[in-house]
Amino acid sequence: MYNKGIIVAGLAVFIVLATFPFWYNLGKAAPAPERILTAQAKAAKECILSAELMRTEHMQMLNDWRDMVVRDGTRLYVGSSGKKFEMSLSNTCMECHSNKAEFCDRCHNYAAVTPYCWDCHIDNPKETK
């Protein structure tokens, strides 16, 4: 009565095209990259926070550190174990994780994020206090 066949065919084509990215990539998800720790990171055996928290919260922690250092002049962080750390990406984090390409970049590339931290903090020499 109202071109029922054409409407149904059009809907079928629309559904196939709209869902194409989902079923085309079904089962093709790349596994998460494995982090490669430096010998110094392995020897340290502990980070500022637990590994699980560092995986999920490091970006927020770095933002907090940036704000505390730049705005408040606070440069000392006391971890949950009572151990003190200098709030510095270059001097504290990169001291153990100096293999940026194998440690940082792998996960950032996998997650398709481009952090702007490296715009300032990857150059050597290291930051001065």
Foldseek 3Di string as FASTA:
>chain_A
DPPVVVVVVVVVVVVCVVCVVVVVCVPVQDDQADADWDPQLVVVVDALDHPVCCVPPVVVVLVVLVCCCVPVVDQWDQGPVRDIDGNFCQPRVCVGVVVCVRHVVRRCVSVVHDDCPVVPQNDDPHDDD
